[in-house]
C-alpha atoms as a PDB file:
ATOM      1  CA  MET A   1     -11.691  15.545  22.286  1.00  0.00           C
ATOM      2  CA  THR A   2     -10.534  11.900  22.327  1.00  0.00           C
ATOM      3  CA  THR A   3      -8.962  10.271  19.058  1.00  0.00           C
ATOM      4  CA  GLY A   4      -9.470   7.109  17.990  1.00  0.00           C
ATOM      5  CA  ILE A   5      -7.088   5.425  15.085  1.00  0.00           C
ATOM      6  CA  LEU A   6      -8.893   3.194  12.695  1.00  0.00           C
ATOM      7  CA  PHE A   7      -6.619   1.440  10.221  1.00  0.00           C
ATOM      8  CA  VAL A   8      -8.631   0.564   6.790  1.00  0.00           C
ATOM      9  CA  GLY A   9      -7.176  -2.150   5.416  1.00  0.00           C
ATOM     10  CA  HIS A  10      -8.769  -3.064   1.598  1.00  0.00           C
ATOM     11  CA  GLY A  11      -8.974  -7.082   2.576  1.00  0.00           C
ATOM     12  CA  THR A  12      -8.583 -10.399   1.077  1.00  0.00           C
ATOM     13  CA  LYS A  13      -9.207 -14.142   1.802  1.00  0.00           C
ATOM     14  CA  ASN A  14      -5.714 -14.968   1.990  1.00  0.00           C
ATOM     15  CA  GLU A  15      -4.796 -15.496   5.363  1.00  0.00           C
ATOM     16  CA  GLN A  16      -1.293 -14.494   4.072  1.00  0.00           C
ATOM     17  CA  GLY A  17      -1.841 -11.300   3.542  1.00  0.00           C
ATOM     18  CA  LEU A  18      -4.370 -10.640   6.534  1.00  0.00           C
ATOM     19  CA  ALA A  19      -1.359 -11.903   8.798  1.00  0.00           C
ATOM     20  CA  GLU A  20       1.047  -9.013   6.982  1.00  0.00           C
ATOM     21  CA  PHE A  21      -1.728  -6.222   7.511  1.00  0.00           C
ATOM     22  CA  ARG A  22      -2.168  -7.256  10.970  1.00  0.00           C
ATOM     23  CA  THR A  23       1.448  -7.048  11.677  1.00  0.00           C
ATOM     24  CA  LEU A  24       2.339  -3.911  10.326  1.00  0.00           C
ATOM     25  CA  ILE A  25      -0.489  -1.782  11.898  1.00  0.00           C
ATOM     26  CA  SER A  26       0.511  -3.498  15.518  1.00  0.00           C
ATOM     27  CA  HIS A  27       4.007  -2.504  14.797  1.00  0.00           C
ATOM     28  CA  VAL A  28       2.501   1.338  13.982  1.00  0.00           C
ATOM     29  CA  ALA A  29       0.199   1.036  16.767  1.00  0.00           C
ATOM     30  CA  ARG A  30       2.813   0.394  19.692  1.00  0.00           C
ATOM     31  CA  ARG A  31       4.456   3.879  18.242  1.00  0.00           C
ATOM     32  CA  LEU A  32       1.498   6.218  18.277  1.00  0.00           C
ATOM     33  CA  PRO A  33       1.252   8.923  20.339  1.00  0.00           C
ATOM     34  CA  SER A  34       1.194   8.062  24.271  1.00  0.00           C
ATOM     35  CA  ASP A  35      -2.306   9.483  24.337  1.00  0.00           C
ATOM     36  CA  VAL A  36      -3.902   7.639  21.589  1.00  0.00           C
ATOM     37  CA  HIS A  37      -5.343   4.808  23.071  1.00  0.00           C
ATOM     38  CA  ILE A  38      -7.878   3.709  21.187  1.00  0.00           C
ATOM     39  CA  VAL A  39      -6.981   1.719  18.030  1.00  0.00           C
ATOM     40  CA  HIS A  40      -9.270  -0.553  15.847  1.00  0.00           C
ATOM     41  CA  HIS A  41      -8.692  -1.936  12.114  1.00  0.00           C
ATOM     42  CA  SER A  42     -11.189  -2.724   9.831  1.00  0.00           C
ATOM     43  CA  PHE A  43     -11.425  -4.215   5.630  1.00  0.00           C
ATOM     44  CA  VAL A  44     -13.554  -2.518   2.955  1.00  0.00           C
ATOM     45  CA  GLU A  45     -14.268  -6.386   1.705  1.00  0.00           C
ATOM     46  CA  PHE A  46     -13.318 -10.002   1.885  1.00  0.00           C
ATOM     47  CA  ALA A  47     -12.677  -9.581   5.534  1.00  0.00           C
ATOM     48  CA  GLU A  48     -14.104  -7.988   8.913  1.00  0.00           C
ATOM     49  CA  PRO A  49     -15.125  -6.070  10.757  1.00  0.00           C
ATOM     50  CA  THR A  50     -15.988  -3.735   8.394  1.00  0.00           C
ATOM     51  CA  VAL A  51     -15.323  -0.118   8.318  1.00  0.00           C
ATOM     52  CA  VAL A  52     -18.536   0.763   9.771  1.00  0.00           C
ATOM     53  CA  GLU A  53     -18.271  -1.753  12.324  1.00  0.00           C
ATOM     54  CA  GLY A  54     -14.852  -0.469  13.162  1.00  0.00           C
ATOM     55  CA  ILE A  55     -15.605   2.999  13.188  1.00  0.00           C
ATOM     56  CA  HIS A  56     -18.706   2.199  15.751  1.00  0.00           C
ATOM     57  CA  GLN A  57     -16.106   0.211  17.667  1.00  0.00           C
ATOM     58  CA  CYS A  58     -14.217   3.294  18.143  1.00  0.00           C
ATOM     59  CA  ILE A  59     -16.923   5.396  19.616  1.00  0.00           C
ATOM     60  CA  ALA A  60     -17.954   2.606  21.784  1.00  0.00           C
ATOM     61  CA  ASP A  61     -14.598   2.951  23.270  1.00  0.00           C
ATOM     62  CA  GLY A  62     -15.050   6.461  23.610  1.00  0.00           C
ATOM     63  CA  ALA A  63     -13.686   8.198  20.934  1.00  0.00           C
ATOM     64  CA  THR A  64     -15.038  11.544  20.164  1.00  0.00           C
ATOM     65  CA  ASP A  65     -12.796  12.126  16.789  1.00  0.00           C
ATOM     66  CA  VAL A  66     -11.861   8.783  14.345  1.00  0.00           C
ATOM     67  CA  LEU A  67      -8.921   8.964  12.218  1.00  0.00           C
ATOM     68  CA  LEU A  68      -9.291   7.047   9.674  1.00  0.00           C
ATOM     69  CA  VAL A  69      -5.644   5.715   8.298  1.00  0.00           C
ATOM     70  CA  PRO A  70      -6.111   3.894   4.641  1.00  0.00           C
ATOM     71  CA  ILE A  71      -3.459   1.306   4.561  1.00  0.00           C
ATOM     72  CA  PHE A  72      -3.835   1.980   0.628  1.00  0.00           C
ATOM     73  CA  LEU A  73      -1.418   2.694  -2.089  1.00  0.00           C
ATOM     74  CA  PHE A  74      -3.282   5.374  -4.175  1.00  0.00           C
ATOM     75  CA  THR A  75      -6.579   6.966  -4.321  1.00  0.00           C
ATOM     76  CA  ALA A  76      -9.163   5.094  -6.525  1.00  0.00           C
ATOM     77  CA  GLN A  77     -12.902   3.838  -6.102  1.00  0.00           C
ATOM     78  CA  HIS A  78     -12.406   2.705  -2.463  1.00  0.00           C
ATOM     79  CA  LEU A  79     -11.036   5.961  -1.023  1.00  0.00           C
ATOM     80  CA  LYS A  80     -13.363   8.117  -3.484  1.00  0.00           C
ATOM     81  CA  ARG A  81     -16.432   6.381  -2.508  1.00  0.00           C
ATOM     82  CA  ASP A  82     -16.783   3.327  -0.504  1.00  0.00           C
ATOM     83  CA  VAL A  83     -15.265   4.587   2.169  1.00  0.00           C
ATOM     84  CA  PRO A  84     -16.611   7.812   2.598  1.00  0.00           C
ATOM     85  CA  GLY A  85     -20.017   6.224   2.115  1.00  0.00           C
ATOM     86  CA  MET A  86     -19.233   4.004   4.848  1.00  0.00           C
ATOM     87  CA  MET A  87     -18.133   7.010   6.741  1.00  0.00           C
ATOM     88  CA  ALA A  88     -21.342   8.673   6.089  1.00  0.00           C
ATOM     89  CA  LYS A  89     -23.474   6.245   7.102  1.00  0.00           C
ATOM     90  CA  ALA A  90     -21.626   5.627  10.356  1.00  0.00           C
ATOM     91  CA  SER A  91     -21.839   9.554  10.652  1.00  0.00           C
ATOM     92  CA  ALA A  92     -25.657   9.392  10.219  1.00  0.00           C
ATOM     93  CA  SER A  93     -25.822   7.423  13.688  1.00  0.00           C
ATOM     94  CA  HIS A  94     -23.463   9.548  15.537  1.00  0.00           C
ATOM     95  CA  PRO A  95     -23.742  13.188  14.276  1.00  0.00           C
ATOM     96  CA  ASP A  96     -21.353  14.364  17.395  1.00  0.00           C
ATOM     97  CA  VAL A  97     -18.287  12.170  16.398  1.00  0.00           C
ATOM     98  CA  THR A  98     -15.463  13.702  14.151  1.00  0.00           C
ATOM     99  CA  LEU A  99     -14.677  11.396  11.172  1.00  0.00           C
ATOM    100  CA  ARG A 100     -11.453  12.181   9.583  1.00  0.00           C
ATOM    101  CA  MET A 101      -9.524  10.411   6.791  1.00  0.00           C
ATOM    102  CA  THR A 102      -5.528  10.316   5.773  1.00  0.00           C
ATOM    103  CA  PRO A 103      -4.227  10.394   2.187  1.00  0.00           C
ATOM    104  CA  SER A 104      -3.317   7.158   0.598  1.00  0.00           C
ATOM    105  CA  LEU A 105       0.531   6.542   0.493  1.00  0.00           C
ATOM    106  CA  GLY A 106       2.081   4.909  -2.171  1.00  0.00           C
ATOM    107  CA  HIS A 107       3.781   7.903  -3.639  1.00  0.00           C
ATOM    108  CA  LEU A 108       5.618   8.609  -0.656  1.00  0.00           C
ATOM    109  CA  PRO A 109       9.715   8.130  -0.858  1.00  0.00           C
ATOM    110  CA  ALA A 110       9.817   5.485   1.504  1.00  0.00           C
ATOM    111  CA  PHE A 111       7.737   3.112  -0.627  1.00  0.00           C
ATOM    112  CA  LEU A 112       9.566   3.806  -3.869  1.00  0.00           C
ATOM    113  CA  SER A 113      12.639   3.036  -1.383  1.00  0.00           C
ATOM    114  CA  VAL A 114      11.154  -0.058  -0.402  1.00  0.00           C
ATOM    115  CA  ALA A 115      10.084  -1.373  -3.947  1.00  0.00           C
ATOM    116  CA  ALA A 116      14.031  -1.042  -5.073  1.00  0.00           C
ATOM    117  CA  GLU A 117      15.429  -2.839  -1.982  1.00  0.00           C
ATOM    118  CA  ARG A 118      12.840  -5.634  -3.122  1.00  0.00           C
ATOM    119  CA  LEU A 119      14.365  -5.453  -6.437  1.00  0.00           C
ATOM    120  CA  ARG A 120      17.638  -5.707  -4.933  1.00  0.00           C
ATOM    121  CA  GLN A 121      16.831  -8.553  -2.760  1.00  0.00           C
ATOM    122  CA  ALA A 122      15.721 -10.194  -5.874  1.00  0.00           C
ATOM    123  CA  GLY A 123      18.988 -10.144  -7.849  1.00  0.00           C
ATOM    124  CA  TYR A 124      18.584  -7.142  -9.732  1.00  0.00           C
ATOM    125  CA  GLU A 125      21.826  -4.736 -10.075  1.00  0.00           C
ATOM    126  CA  SER A 126      20.998  -1.217  -9.869  1.00  0.00           C
ATOM    127  CA  GLY A 127      21.955   0.223 -13.616  1.00  0.00           C
ATOM    128  CA  SER A 128      21.348  -3.105 -15.238  1.00  0.00           C
ATOM    129  CA  ASP A 129      19.951  -3.425 -19.064  1.00  0.00           C
ATOM    130  CA  ALA A 130      17.321  -5.825 -18.299  1.00  0.00           C
ATOM    131  CA  PRO A 131      14.007  -4.021 -18.568  1.00  0.00           C
ATOM    132  CA  VAL A 132      11.853  -3.916 -15.106  1.00  0.00           C
ATOM    133  CA  LEU A 133       8.178  -4.247 -15.609  1.00  0.00           C
ATOM    134  CA  LEU A 134       6.877  -2.134 -12.438  1.00  0.00           C
ATOM    135  CA  ILE A 135       3.459  -3.788 -11.861  1.00  0.00           C
ATOM    136  CA  GLY A 136       0.131  -1.905 -10.384  1.00  0.00           C
ATOM    137  CA  ARG A 137      -2.721  -3.520  -8.743  1.00  0.00           C
ATOM    138  CA  GLY A 138      -5.061  -1.519 -11.277  1.00  0.00           C
ATOM    139  CA  ASN A 139      -8.240   0.519 -10.892  1.00  0.00           C
ATOM    140  CA  LYS A 140     -10.419   2.763 -13.041  1.00  0.00           C
ATOM    141  CA  ASP A 141      -9.565   5.647 -11.984  1.00  0.00           C
ATOM    142  CA  PRO A 142      -7.519   8.354 -14.164  1.00  0.00           C
ATOM    143  CA  LYS A 143      -5.773  10.251 -11.380  1.00  0.00           C
ATOM    144  CA  ALA A 144      -4.608   7.197  -9.419  1.00  0.00           C
ATOM    145  CA  GLN A 145      -3.166   5.830 -12.530  1.00  0.00           C
ATOM    146  CA  ALA A 146      -1.150   8.870 -13.462  1.00  0.00           C
ATOM    147  CA  THR A 147       0.186   8.701  -9.515  1.00  0.00           C
ATOM    148  CA  PHE A 148       1.245   5.028 -10.448  1.00  0.00           C
ATOM    149  CA  GLU A 149       3.443   6.728 -13.394  1.00  0.00           C
ATOM    150  CA  GLN A 150       4.614   9.315 -11.611  1.00  0.00           C
ATOM    151  CA  ALA A 151       5.901   6.618  -8.791  1.00  0.00           C
ATOM    152  CA  ALA A 152       7.422   4.526 -11.500  1.00  0.00           C
ATOM    153  CA  LEU A 153       9.384   7.945 -13.099  1.00  0.00           C
ATOM    154  CA  ARG A 154      10.937   8.675  -9.368  1.00  0.00           C
ATOM    155  CA  LEU A 155      11.793   5.199  -9.122  1.00  0.00           C
ATOM    156  CA  HIS A 156      13.628   5.640 -12.330  1.00  0.00           C
ATOM    157  CA  THR A 157      15.223   7.994 -12.071  1.00  0.00           C
ATOM    158  CA  GLU A 158      16.030   8.284  -7.876  1.00  0.00           C
ATOM    159  CA  HIS A 159      16.515   4.378  -7.531  1.00  0.00           C
ATOM    160  CA  ASN A 160      18.988   4.030 -11.114  1.00  0.00           C
ATOM    161  CA  VAL A 161      16.601   1.982 -12.341  1.00  0.00           C
ATOM    162  CA  SER A 162      17.436   2.317 -16.362  1.00  0.00           C
ATOM    163  CA  ARG A 163      15.121   0.223 -18.047  1.00  0.00           C
ATOM    164  CA  LEU A 164      11.569   0.626 -16.593  1.00  0.00           C
ATOM    165  CA  GLU A 165       8.500   0.460 -18.053  1.00  0.00           C
ATOM    166  CA  THR A 166       4.715  -0.061 -15.844  1.00  0.00           C
ATOM    167  CA  ALA A 167       1.471  -2.235 -16.796  1.00  0.00           C
ATOM    168  CA  TYR A 168      -1.486  -3.223 -14.641  1.00  0.00           C
ATOM    169  CA  LEU A 169      -3.040  -6.831 -13.151  1.00  0.00           C
ATOM    170  CA  SER A 170      -6.531  -5.382 -13.355  1.00  0.00           C
ATOM    171  CA  GLY A 171      -8.366  -2.314 -14.591  1.00  0.00           C
ATOM    172  CA  THR A 172      -8.482   0.037 -17.559  1.00  0.00           C
ATOM    173  CA  GLY A 173      -4.694   0.410 -17.900  1.00  0.00           C
ATOM    174  CA  VAL A 174      -2.185  -1.595 -20.228  1.00  0.00           C
ATOM    175  CA  ARG A 175      -2.170  -5.103 -18.891  1.00  0.00           C
ATOM    176  CA  MET A 176       0.597  -7.221 -17.942  1.00  0.00           C
ATOM    177  CA  GLU A 177       0.731  -9.636 -20.777  1.00  0.00           C
ATOM    178  CA  SER A 178       0.304  -7.082 -22.886  1.00  0.00           C
ATOM    179  CA  VAL A 179       3.552  -5.614 -21.673  1.00  0.00           C
ATOM    180  CA  LEU A 180       5.554  -9.183 -21.929  1.00  0.00           C
ATOM    181  CA  GLU A 181       4.345 -10.160 -25.310  1.00  0.00           C
ATOM    182  CA  THR A 182       5.885  -6.521 -26.748  1.00  0.00           C
ATOM    183  CA  MET A 183       8.806  -7.384 -24.812  1.00  0.00           C
ATOM    184  CA  VAL A 184       9.116 -10.736 -26.118  1.00  0.00           C
ATOM    185  CA  LYS A 185       8.683  -9.457 -29.589  1.00  0.00           C
ATOM    186  CA  ARG A 186      11.625  -7.137 -29.799  1.00  0.00           C
ATOM    187  CA  GLY A 187      13.449  -9.872 -28.655  1.00  0.00           C
ATOM    188  CA  GLU A 188      14.506  -9.503 -24.725  1.00  0.00           C
ATOM    189  CA  ARG A 189      15.594 -12.327 -23.129  1.00  0.00           C
ATOM    190  CA  GLU A 190      15.172 -11.366 -19.528  1.00  0.00           C
ATOM    191  CA  VAL A 191      12.552  -9.804 -17.716  1.00  0.00           C
ATOM    192  CA  TRP A 192      12.532  -8.286 -14.212  1.00  0.00           C
ATOM    193  CA  ILE A 193       8.962  -7.902 -12.615  1.00  0.00           C
ATOM    194  CA  LEU A 194       8.457  -6.009  -9.770  1.00  0.00           C
ATOM    195  CA  PRO A 195       4.469  -5.980  -8.248  1.00  0.00           C
ATOM    196  CA  TYR A 196       4.194  -2.670  -6.471  1.00  0.00           C
ATOM    197  CA  LEU A 197       1.685  -4.197  -4.238  1.00  0.00           C
ATOM    198  CA  TRP A 198       1.765  -4.189  -0.341  1.00  0.00           C
ATOM    199  CA  PHE A 199       0.567  -7.509   1.225  1.00  0.00           C
ATOM    200  CA  ALA A 200       0.292 -11.227  -0.310  1.00  0.00           C
ATOM    201  CA  GLY A 201      -3.395 -11.678  -1.973  1.00  0.00           C
ATOM    202  CA  TYR A 202      -4.909 -13.153  -4.846  1.00  0.00           C
ATOM    203  CA  LEU A 203      -3.158 -11.375  -7.284  1.00  0.00           C
ATOM    204  CA  THR A 204       0.213 -12.038  -5.793  1.00  0.00           C
ATOM    205  CA  GLU A 205      -0.918 -15.505  -5.728  1.00  0.00           C
ATOM    206  CA  LYS A 206      -1.610 -16.017  -9.424  1.00  0.00           C
ATOM    207  CA  LEU A 207       1.226 -13.732 -10.805  1.00  0.00           C
ATOM    208  CA  PRO A 208       3.514 -16.389 -11.667  1.00  0.00           C
ATOM    209  CA  ASP A 209       0.980 -18.324 -13.574  1.00  0.00           C
ATOM    210  CA  ARG A 210      -0.040 -15.776 -15.432  1.00  0.00           C
ATOM    211  CA  VAL A 211       3.788 -14.868 -16.265  1.00  0.00           C
ATOM    212  CA  ALA A 212       4.655 -18.395 -17.053  1.00  0.00           C
ATOM    213  CA  ARG A 213       1.319 -18.321 -19.320  1.00  0.00           C
ATOM    214  CA  VAL A 214       2.559 -15.613 -21.777  1.00  0.00           C
ATOM    215  CA  LEU A 215       6.093 -16.722 -21.802  1.00  0.00           C
ATOM    216  CA  ARG A 216       5.739 -20.576 -22.085  1.00  0.00           C
ATOM    217  CA  GLY A 217       8.248 -21.403 -24.791  1.00  0.00           C
ATOM    218  CA  THR A 218       9.934 -18.193 -25.792  1.00  0.00           C
ATOM    219  CA  GLY A 219      13.087 -18.549 -24.112  1.00  0.00           C
ATOM    220  CA  VAL A 220      12.610 -15.305 -21.575  1.00  0.00           C
ATOM    221  CA  CYS A 221      13.533 -15.775 -18.290  1.00  0.00           C
ATOM    222  CA  ALA A 222      11.336 -13.445 -15.868  1.00  0.00           C
ATOM    223  CA  ARG A 223      12.338 -12.964 -12.315  1.00  0.00           C
ATOM    224  CA  ILE A 224       9.646 -11.759  -9.785  1.00  0.00           C
ATOM    225  CA  ALA A 225      10.894  -9.845  -6.952  1.00  0.00           C
ATOM    226  CA  SER A 226       8.419  -9.534  -3.904  1.00  0.00           C
ATOM    227  CA  TYR A 227       5.849  -7.073  -3.143  1.00  0.00           C
ATOM    228  CA  LEU A 228       6.536  -4.448  -0.368  1.00  0.00           C
ATOM    229  CA  GLY A 229       4.903  -6.537   2.517  1.00  0.00           C
ATOM    230  CA  VAL A 230       6.286  -5.402   6.271  1.00  0.00           C
ATOM    231  CA  HIS A 231       9.015  -2.946   6.298  1.00  0.00           C
ATOM    232  CA  ASP A 232      10.229  -0.764   9.231  1.00  0.00           C
ATOM    233  CA  ALA A 233      10.123   2.323   6.264  1.00  0.00           C
ATOM    234  CA  LEU A 234       6.673   1.804   5.485  1.00  0.00           C
ATOM    235  CA  VAL A 235       5.701   1.724   9.506  1.00  0.00           C
ATOM    236  CA  ASN A 236       7.369   4.883   9.944  1.00  0.00           C
ATOM    237  CA  ALA A 237       6.097   6.589   7.273  1.00  0.00           C
ATOM    238  CA  ILE A 238       2.459   5.604   7.953  1.00  0.00           C
ATOM    239  CA  LEU A 239       3.315   7.114  11.643  1.00  0.00           C
ATOM    240  CA  ASP A 240       4.232  10.543   9.908  1.00  0.00           C
ATOM    241  CA  GLU A 241       1.235  10.589   7.985  1.00  0.00           C
ATOM    242  CA  VAL A 242      -1.014  10.132  11.158  1.00  0.00           C
ATOM    243  CA  ASP A 243       1.547  12.417  13.117  1.00  0.00           C
ATOM    244  CA  LYS A 244       0.477  15.386  10.647  1.00  0.00           C
ATOM    245  CA  GLN A 245      -3.241  14.535  10.980  1.00  0.00           C
ATOM    246  CA  LEU A 246      -3.239  14.651  14.727  1.00  0.00           C
ATOM    247  CA  GLU A 247      -0.570  17.267  15.205  1.00  0.00           C
ATOM    248  CA  HIS A 248       1.495  15.587  17.119  1.00  0.00           C
ATOM    249  CA  ARG A 249       4.619  15.935  15.055  1.00  0.00           C
ATOM    250  CA  CYS A 250       7.294  17.269  16.449  1.00  0.00           C
ATOM    251  CA  MET A 251       4.862  20.105  18.868  1.00  0.00           C
ATOM    252  CA  ASN A 252       4.768  17.593  21.704  1.00  0.00           C
ATOM    253  CA  HIS A 253       8.061  16.995  23.808  1.00  0.00           C
ATOM    254  CA  HIS A 254       6.642  13.344  24.878  1.00  0.00           C
ATOM    255  CA  ARG A 255       5.726  12.352  21.081  1.00  0.00           C
ATOM    256  CA  CYS A 256       8.973  13.622  20.092  1.00  0.00           C
ATOM    257  CA  MET A 257      10.898  11.678  22.471  1.00  0.00           C
ATOM    258  CA  ASN A 258       9.004   8.693  21.915  1.00  0.00           C
ATOM    259  CA  HIS A 259       8.665   8.369  18.020  1.00  0.00           C
ATOM    260  CA  GLN A 260      12.047   6.354  17.599  1.00  0.00           C
ATOM    261  CA  ARG A 261      12.671   4.635  13.979  1.00  0.00           C
ATOM    262  CA  PHE A 262      13.030   1.515  14.387  1.00  0.00           C
ATOM    263  CA  THR A 263      13.507  -1.745  12.722  1.00  0.00           C
ATOM    264  CA  ILE A 264      11.429  -4.400  12.402  1.00  0.00           C
ATOM    265  CA  PRO A 265      13.539  -8.132  13.492  1.00  0.00           C
END
């Protein structure tokens, strides 16, 4: 069996976001097991190659087993319906090839640690009395929203974010604007906004304007932290998940010797 790895991104028209995605997976690719030589990437929408094209490329390069690694924080419509549909389409042309997919990653401790780090980098002091609004991309999936809320609770309890609330930029959850308006009404003077998003894109571009429209003339100061972006802890978390799927983790001496933790400059 020859395994190929296909990294799957959401996709964006934002060039910075595409560059960040490619940078992240290039760091991961350099640390993959030495016997994995077939590595490609693809996107669900807004960019190319498509997932089906990515699968076909892995197979053309000799893969008889393709492991799709979605660079997604939560499992909603794209990972429950869209990507499986694309896998089925590709499988129809290659019935002898095994296709499988790793889970989403946003609930893992490393991601919450990076989010807390981004908040501190913006100037937030642990235990501050100012509220922190954790912003999710948003979706229509109740289970994905529940996972996001659980992640928020862990951020609150494990990283000493004393006053933490949640909201979404889209989907069926509570909208960010609604929560900000509530904060204004109850007399908050400072608000920290922490976008739980992975890469730059349309939502990160519009976030400052959306916040400003709500708070204009209220006297409330909003401080927006960075999204997750490229971080060595996230690279290592992805590697750990790939290890589990490939059954390489600590079973192959060569893999264990070469799977060194590292820091992205």
